[in-house]
């Protein structure tokens, strides 16, 4: 029976959950747009552990959402979890944030030929996304995507869109009756527990030294101008 601490910081949602034997037993989350993950992650971890009656040393493995998503948020979450994993010599499990979103809806009744498109906001009308089958199996790679009518017209099967990237395009979906939009679906650490438990039982861990965030695209960083 594994005890797993899961952390998700790839989006404006800051989320920490404790799982035991695949079931979530404690969770703390902040859904605000303040992006105060650095302030909240240690507090939420301490509160969730206290609710579960555990200490950090009682955790068997650490799971973390690795993106795509916010550069700053991902660095905060991945750095914290790697620090705990290293200090306590416990395994680490990196999980795609898009896969976490899919896990949040897999228990719903979805027709077999439907394609799931979890979407993470990448500003303006761009999102990070990836196609999944209705049972959660991956159909293709993740990539940035501009949302427009042309993309909808290219789909050859019924689709379901969800995540904060899909939520921002509500007007687009309202004019596309062939698209099912599930609003308010977030990549909660709660949804990571079953995925991490499966990886734990299979002993499918990541290499602590080489686990890095998957940002989705290269950061737009400008070199400072030299002063004369």
Protein backbone atom coordinates (compact mmCIF):
# COMPACT_ATOMS: atom_id res chain seq x y z
CA UNK A 1 0.00 0.00 0.00
CA UNK A 2 1.74 3.15 -1.25
CA UNK A 3 1.42 6.65 0.13
CA UNK A 4 1.98 9.22 -2.61
CA UNK A 5 2.23 13.00 -2.45
CA UNK A 6 1.17 14.67 -5.71
CA UNK A 7 1.76 18.29 -6.74
CA UNK A 8 0.33 20.23 -9.68
CA UNK A 9 1.49 23.76 -10.51
CA UNK A 10 1.43 23.90 -14.33
CA UNK A 11 -1.61 26.20 -14.51
CA UNK A 12 -3.08 28.92 -12.24
CA UNK A 13 -4.35 26.04 -10.07
CA UNK A 14 -1.93 25.22 -7.24
CA UNK A 15 -2.83 21.73 -6.05
CA UNK A 16 -1.43 19.24 -3.52
CA UNK A 17 -2.95 15.83 -2.76
CA UNK A 18 -2.09 12.81 -0.64
CA UNK A 19 -3.05 9.36 -1.90
CA UNK A 20 -3.03 5.99 -0.25
CA UNK A 21 -3.46 2.82 -2.29
CA UNK A 22 -4.76 4.85 -5.23
CA UNK A 23 -7.36 6.82 -3.26
CA UNK A 24 -7.09 10.52 -2.43
CA UNK A 25 -7.17 11.06 1.35
CA UNK A 26 -6.32 14.78 1.56
CA UNK A 27 -6.17 17.71 -0.84
CA UNK A 28 -5.43 21.43 -0.75
CA UNK A 29 -6.00 23.75 -3.72
CA UNK A 30 -5.98 27.41 -4.68
CA UNK A 31 -7.87 28.26 -7.89
CA UNK A 32 -7.17 31.99 -7.84
CA UNK A 33 -5.40 33.85 -10.65
CA UNK A 34 -2.79 35.30 -8.28
CA UNK A 35 -0.19 32.68 -9.30
CA UNK A 36 1.17 32.52 -5.76
CA UNK A 37 2.34 28.92 -6.06
CA UNK A 38 5.67 29.61 -4.37
CA UNK A 39 3.83 30.88 -1.29
CA UNK A 40 1.25 28.10 -1.20
CA UNK A 41 3.01 24.85 -2.11
CA UNK A 42 4.78 24.24 1.21
CA UNK A 43 1.77 25.40 3.24
CA UNK A 44 -0.61 23.13 1.28
CA UNK A 45 1.79 20.21 1.62
CA UNK A 46 2.01 20.64 5.39
CA UNK A 47 -1.78 20.98 5.75
CA UNK A 48 -2.52 17.94 3.55
CA UNK A 49 0.00 15.80 5.41
CA UNK A 50 -1.42 16.91 8.76
CA UNK A 51 -4.96 16.03 7.65
CA UNK A 52 -3.74 12.59 6.59
CA UNK A 53 -1.88 12.14 9.88
CA UNK A 54 1.45 11.80 8.10
CA UNK A 55 4.87 13.37 7.92
CA UNK A 56 6.90 13.94 4.79
CA UNK A 57 9.09 10.97 5.69
CA UNK A 58 6.02 8.70 5.55
CA UNK A 59 5.56 9.33 1.81
CA UNK A 60 6.61 6.40 -0.41
CA UNK A 61 6.84 8.38 -3.66
CA UNK A 62 6.35 11.88 -5.05
CA UNK A 63 4.35 12.72 -8.19
CA UNK A 64 4.44 16.01 -10.04
CA UNK A 65 2.71 17.46 -13.07
CA UNK A 66 5.41 18.23 -15.62
CA UNK A 67 3.43 20.29 -18.12
CA UNK A 68 2.97 21.68 -20.62
CA UNK A 69 2.04 24.89 -18.89
CA UNK A 70 3.38 27.93 -17.08
CA UNK A 71 7.17 28.24 -17.01
CA UNK A 72 7.22 29.71 -13.52
CA UNK A 73 4.59 27.38 -12.09
CA UNK A 74 6.27 24.27 -13.47
CA UNK A 75 9.68 25.27 -12.16
CA UNK A 76 8.25 25.82 -8.68
CA UNK A 77 6.46 22.48 -8.52
CA UNK A 78 9.14 20.34 -10.12
CA UNK A 79 11.92 21.92 -8.04
CA UNK A 80 10.04 21.35 -4.78
CA UNK A 81 9.23 17.73 -5.53
CA UNK A 82 12.75 16.95 -6.75
CA UNK A 83 14.11 18.44 -3.53
CA UNK A 84 11.92 16.21 -1.37
CA UNK A 85 12.69 13.15 -3.48
CA UNK A 86 16.43 13.76 -3.24
CA UNK A 87 16.46 14.53 0.49
CA UNK A 88 14.33 11.51 1.43
CA UNK A 89 15.69 9.16 -1.25
CA UNK A 90 12.17 8.39 -2.47
CA UNK A 91 11.14 7.77 -6.11
CA UNK A 92 9.72 10.54 -8.29
CA UNK A 93 6.97 10.22 -10.91
CA UNK A 94 6.48 12.90 -13.55
CA UNK A 95 3.03 13.02 -15.17
CA UNK A 96 1.86 15.01 -18.19
CA UNK A 97 -0.57 17.75 -17.20
CA UNK A 98 -2.66 16.91 -20.28
CA UNK A 99 -2.88 13.31 -19.06
CA UNK A 100 -4.00 14.58 -15.66
CA UNK A 101 -6.83 16.51 -17.31
CA UNK A 102 -7.94 13.36 -19.16
CA UNK A 103 -7.92 11.39 -15.91
CA UNK A 104 -10.33 13.95 -14.46
CA UNK A 105 -13.07 12.89 -16.91
CA UNK A 106 -12.37 9.20 -17.67
CA UNK A 107 -15.13 8.03 -15.32
CA UNK A 108 -17.77 9.83 -17.38
CA UNK A 109 -19.89 8.07 -19.99
CA UNK A 110 -18.09 8.83 -23.26
CA UNK A 111 -18.80 7.18 -26.60
CA UNK A 112 -15.94 4.98 -27.84
CA UNK A 113 -15.33 6.84 -31.11
CA UNK A 114 -14.97 10.21 -29.35
CA UNK A 115 -11.59 11.96 -29.31
CA UNK A 116 -10.63 13.81 -26.12
CA UNK A 117 -8.73 17.09 -26.47
CA UNK A 118 -7.47 18.41 -23.10
CA UNK A 119 -6.34 22.01 -23.52
CA UNK A 120 -4.05 24.19 -21.44
CA UNK A 121 -4.09 27.96 -21.97
CA UNK A 122 -1.05 29.24 -23.86
CA UNK A 123 -2.36 32.85 -24.19
CA UNK A 124 -4.50 34.48 -26.85
CA UNK A 125 -6.22 31.73 -28.87
CA UNK A 126 -3.31 29.30 -28.53
CA UNK A 127 -3.41 26.19 -26.37
CA UNK A 128 -1.24 23.20 -25.56
CA UNK A 129 -3.16 20.06 -26.43
CA UNK A 130 -2.97 16.38 -27.37
CA UNK A 131 -5.53 13.87 -28.66
CA UNK A 132 -6.62 10.92 -26.50
CA UNK A 133 -9.04 8.06 -27.03
CA UNK A 134 -12.15 7.88 -24.87
CA UNK A 135 -10.40 5.29 -22.65
CA UNK A 136 -7.48 7.65 -21.99
CA UNK A 137 -4.97 6.14 -24.44
CA UNK A 138 -2.78 8.62 -26.34
CA UNK A 139 -3.55 9.14 -30.03
CA UNK A 140 -0.83 11.64 -30.92
CA UNK A 141 1.87 13.96 -29.59
CA UNK A 142 1.29 17.15 -27.63
CA UNK A 143 1.80 20.45 -29.44
CA UNK A 144 0.77 24.12 -29.41
CA UNK A 145 -2.41 24.79 -31.40
CA UNK A 146 -4.26 27.89 -32.58
CA UNK A 147 -7.99 27.41 -32.01
CA UNK A 148 -10.17 28.37 -34.96
CA UNK A 149 -13.00 27.12 -37.14
CA UNK A 150 -10.57 25.48 -39.57
CA UNK A 151 -9.26 23.19 -36.83
CA UNK A 152 -12.78 22.14 -35.93
CA UNK A 153 -13.60 21.41 -39.57
CA UNK A 154 -10.58 19.11 -39.86
CA UNK A 155 -11.81 16.77 -37.10
CA UNK A 156 -13.08 13.45 -38.43
CA UNK A 157 -14.70 12.15 -35.23
CA UNK A 158 -16.81 13.58 -32.38
CA UNK A 159 -14.59 15.57 -30.04
CA UNK A 160 -14.70 16.71 -26.43
CA UNK A 161 -12.63 19.74 -25.39
CA UNK A 162 -11.85 20.70 -21.80
CA UNK A 163 -9.34 22.47 -19.59
CA UNK A 164 -8.71 26.19 -19.13
CA UNK A 165 -7.53 26.46 -22.74
CA UNK A 166 -10.91 25.21 -23.93
CA UNK A 167 -12.80 27.37 -21.43
CA UNK A 168 -11.36 30.59 -22.86
CA UNK A 169 -12.73 29.64 -26.31
CA UNK A 170 -16.32 29.19 -25.12
CA UNK A 171 -17.60 31.51 -27.86
CA UNK A 172 -15.95 29.37 -30.54
CA UNK A 173 -17.53 26.19 -29.19
CA UNK A 174 -20.95 27.85 -28.88
CA UNK A 175 -20.95 28.23 -32.66
CA UNK A 176 -19.81 24.63 -33.20
CA UNK A 177 -22.59 22.25 -32.11
CA UNK A 178 -20.48 19.28 -33.20
CA UNK A 179 -18.01 20.02 -30.38
CA UNK A 180 -18.75 19.06 -26.77
CA UNK A 181 -17.17 21.50 -24.33
CA UNK A 182 -16.82 20.39 -20.69
CA UNK A 183 -16.19 23.55 -18.69
CA UNK A 184 -14.36 23.90 -15.39
CA UNK A 185 -12.12 20.81 -15.70
CA UNK A 186 -8.83 21.43 -13.89
CA UNK A 187 -5.58 19.40 -13.60
CA UNK A 188 -6.05 18.68 -9.90
CA UNK A 189 -3.43 16.74 -7.98
CA UNK A 190 -6.40 14.61 -6.89
CA UNK A 191 -6.53 13.23 -10.45
CA UNK A 192 -2.84 12.36 -10.30
CA UNK A 193 -3.21 9.83 -7.51
CA UNK A 194 -4.55 6.89 -9.56
CA UNK A 195 -2.01 7.54 -12.33
CA UNK A 196 0.88 7.72 -9.87
CA UNK A 197 -0.28 4.60 -8.01
CA UNK A 198 -0.29 2.63 -11.28
CA UNK A 199 3.25 3.81 -12.04
CA UNK A 200 4.35 3.00 -8.48
CA UNK A 201 3.09 -0.57 -8.65
CA UNK A 202 4.87 -1.06 -11.99
CA UNK A 203 8.02 0.54 -10.52
CA UNK A 204 8.01 3.00 -13.43
CA UNK A 205 9.90 5.89 -11.89
CA UNK A 206 11.66 8.85 -13.45
CA UNK A 207 15.34 9.61 -13.16
CA UNK A 208 15.65 12.37 -10.57
CA UNK A 209 18.57 13.99 -12.35
CA UNK A 210 16.93 14.11 -15.77
CA UNK A 211 13.27 14.84 -15.02
CA UNK A 212 12.52 18.33 -16.34
CA UNK A 213 9.33 20.27 -17.10
CA UNK A 214 7.77 20.00 -20.55
CA UNK A 215 7.01 23.64 -21.19
CA UNK A 216 5.30 23.07 -24.54
CA UNK A 217 7.37 25.61 -26.47
CA UNK A 218 10.58 27.56 -26.16
CA UNK A 219 10.46 30.44 -23.70
CA UNK A 220 10.27 33.90 -25.25
CA UNK A 221 13.23 35.41 -23.40
CA UNK A 222 14.94 38.54 -24.72
CA UNK A 223 18.55 39.39 -23.98
CA UNK A 224 18.87 42.66 -22.08
CA UNK A 225 20.16 45.54 -24.15
CA UNK A 226 23.72 46.54 -23.47
CA UNK A 227 24.20 50.02 -22.22
CA UNK A 228 26.68 52.20 -24.00
